[in-house]
Amino acid sequence: MRITEAARYLGVSINTLKAMSDSGKIICHRTGGGHRRYHKEYMVDKIAYVHDCWLKWIELECDRSKEAHDALRGWLDRRLIEAGVLNGD
């Protein structure tokens, strides 16, 4: 998948995904023209990594407000359900 699709799938910005790729946290393949491509099956596995990052951010940034914490956690859970990583039950 193209970088825009992969970033949308993971719920991160294109620049964040590029940084994750450059640091080796997410693997991408380059086309002959140098464009990044990501395998969807691989992205399903890596969404757990992004989930963990979001949870850490929620813990660090939202300690002062339970409402903000719950809202962000709900957003993250909905995103993971949409991606098919979590069961919506």
Protein backbone atom coordinates (compact mmCIF):
# COMPACT_ATOMS: atom_id res chain seq x y z
CA MET A 1 0.00 0.00 0.00
CA ARG A 2 1.10 3.58 -0.58
CA ILE A 3 2.33 5.72 2.28
CA THR A 4 -0.90 7.75 2.44
CA GLU A 5 -2.95 4.57 2.77
CA ALA A 6 -0.58 3.08 5.34
CA ALA A 7 -0.56 6.27 7.43
CA ARG A 8 -4.36 6.45 7.36
CA TYR A 9 -4.57 2.76 8.28
CA LEU A 10 -2.33 3.25 11.31
CA GLY A 11 -3.88 6.58 12.25
CA VAL A 12 -0.59 8.49 12.08
CA SER A 13 0.67 11.30 9.88
CA ILE A 14 2.75 10.63 6.78
CA ASN A 15 5.74 12.30 8.45
CA THR A 16 5.36 10.06 11.51
CA LEU A 17 5.23 6.97 9.32
CA LYS A 18 8.32 8.12 7.41
CA ALA A 19 10.15 8.62 10.71
CA MET A 20 9.05 5.19 11.91
CA SER A 21 10.30 3.69 8.63
CA ASP A 22 13.59 5.57 8.75
CA SER A 23 14.21 4.39 12.32
CA GLY A 24 13.45 0.76 11.42
CA LYS A 25 10.31 0.48 13.56
CA ILE A 26 8.17 -0.07 10.45
CA ILE A 27 9.53 -1.85 7.37
CA CYS A 28 8.77 -0.52 3.93
CA HIS A 29 9.93 -1.44 0.47
CA ARG A 30 11.05 1.11 -2.11
CA THR A 31 9.88 1.19 -5.70
CA GLY A 32 12.33 1.80 -8.53
CA GLY A 33 11.43 5.49 -8.23
CA GLY A 34 12.17 5.53 -4.48
CA HIS A 35 8.56 5.60 -3.27
CA ARG A 36 7.73 3.75 -0.06
CA ARG A 37 5.36 0.80 -0.16
CA TYR A 38 3.94 -1.10 2.80
CA HIS A 39 2.40 -4.58 2.91
CA LYS A 40 -1.07 -4.58 4.50
CA GLU A 41 -0.45 -7.87 6.29
CA TYR A 42 2.64 -6.38 7.90
CA MET A 43 0.72 -3.25 8.88
CA VAL A 44 -1.87 -5.35 10.73
CA ASP A 45 0.95 -6.72 12.86
CA LYS A 46 2.44 -3.28 13.42
CA ILE A 47 -0.77 -1.61 14.46
CA ALA A 48 -0.19 -3.16 17.89
CA TYR A 49 3.02 -1.12 18.09
CA VAL A 50 1.13 2.07 17.27
CA HIS A 51 -1.52 1.08 19.82
CA ASP A 52 1.15 0.79 22.50
CA CYS A 53 2.57 4.19 21.53
CA TRP A 54 -0.87 5.80 21.79
CA LEU A 55 -1.47 4.20 25.16
CA LYS A 56 1.83 5.53 26.45
CA TRP A 57 1.01 9.00 25.12
CA ILE A 58 -2.42 8.86 26.74
CA GLU A 59 -0.82 7.94 30.07
CA LEU A 60 1.75 10.74 29.83
CA GLU A 61 -0.47 13.52 28.51
CA CYS A 62 -3.82 12.86 30.13
CA ASP A 63 -3.03 12.09 33.73
CA ARG A 64 -4.57 15.41 34.69
CA SER A 65 -8.00 14.75 33.14
CA LYS A 66 -9.97 11.51 33.28
CA GLU A 67 -12.40 12.84 30.65
CA ALA A 68 -9.57 13.55 28.20
CA HIS A 69 -8.05 10.15 28.90
CA ASP A 70 -11.36 8.37 28.31
CA ALA A 71 -12.05 10.35 25.12
CA LEU A 72 -8.64 9.54 23.65
CA ARG A 73 -8.87 5.90 24.70
CA GLY A 74 -12.30 5.67 23.06
CA TRP A 75 -10.96 7.24 19.87
CA LEU A 76 -8.05 4.80 19.80
CA ASP A 77 -10.29 1.79 20.39
CA ARG A 78 -12.66 2.89 17.60
CA ARG A 79 -9.71 3.29 15.24
CA LEU A 80 -8.46 -0.21 16.05
CA ILE A 81 -11.95 -1.65 15.58
CA GLU A 82 -12.20 0.06 12.16
CA ALA A 83 -8.82 -1.45 11.23
CA GLY A 84 -10.06 -4.88 12.25
CA VAL A 85 -7.51 -5.27 15.03
CA LEU A 86 -9.93 -5.18 17.95
CA ASN A 87 -13.31 -6.84 18.26
CA GLY A 88 -16.09 -4.29 18.75
CA ASP A 89 -17.98 -6.46 21.27
